[in-house]
């Protein structure tokens, strides 16, 4: 009996050690198709792309996230037949690192293409993830799949033919990989260039790194200062494990954001503490071809010419998670929410008669555009107050 107990404990320890082993980024999964081109129908919501993915006998909905080095499934989504592979160290949008389990999935099908021995992170569902079962990361493209993202026609073209799109017009930007995701060189100011993460998981058009802004400002203060629209303190970028820390935030309206020979003008942006990103809102203005065989992104504008006037409007108020609750990350002092009484750090406790117990509950609340709501909020000194929110 004692020998059986020792054997059982030994097997348990071996199992725990196996689960705790470090997994390293690999592209040793297999692709079923050769010399193929396939068109997949996609959903587009708030500018972001959702792809139907078949795993085993189930059909799942994955967010196309080029800012993620590898694909992932949310921990509240059950998929039969996964096999543990250890843990991997990942990096989020705010530069934080964390360890997540890795599993080998059953065969994964994207249209005609089947991936076998394909690995994915198992991650907790971030507070902004709604209507998705997981994410489709950049490892598929690092494997050699060429892709064209076309949100106007709601389709994704996948191919292994590196010359398929050669005859199509467009504006090229070479990319380099950092932590397995693509960074293109863009110019937000004259005589200043910076590496910018191409991140379709981010809803924004362009976010400017605070470090890049400070470096450019030190080099050309006269050129940059007239593009500044305001300053405040707050946080707005939400990464996988919460919001960035509170810091100075600068709002700018850029005269020109240059992608190679192409120009985006009147681009409103805010400074953030993480890396600069160009996000999913770019896809509203044209298609993007990802060609990993040439380390190349090609932007194809929907309109003729070499310039797009973006003229985007930024929110007056940003909400971020704080200890699981919804809080005000940033509010502009000349805005209507500020006049109504919202302040940075306020925590949302109630909407009308409905208690709000989590950030997710707040972000999924069925607000109706044009209606006015009464919110009970708690300020940073612990005092409760009521404010009006006009949607």
Foldseek 3Di string as FASTA:
>chain_A
DVVVVVVVVVVVVVVVVQQADEDDDDLPKDKDDAQDKDKFFWDADLLWTWAWKDFDNDIFIATAWLVFLAKAFEQVDDDPDKAWRHWYWGAKQLGDIDIFTKIQTHWMDRPPMIIHSGMHTHAHDALVDDRGGIHGYCSVVLSQWKWKDAVVRRMIMTGNDLCPCVPPDFFKFFWDDDSNGTWTWKDLFPPAIDTATATQVDSAQKAAAPVSVVVVCVVPVVRFVVFWDDKDWFWADAIRVWTDDIDIKIWGQGQWMDRHQATEHRGIYMHHNGHMYGYSVLSVFFMWMCGSVRSMITTDGPDDDRYHYPNDDDDQWHWIWDPFFIFTGDHDCVDPQVVQPHDHAKTWQAKAHRGGDGSSCVVPPPDDAQDKIWTWIAHPVGDIDIGIDHD
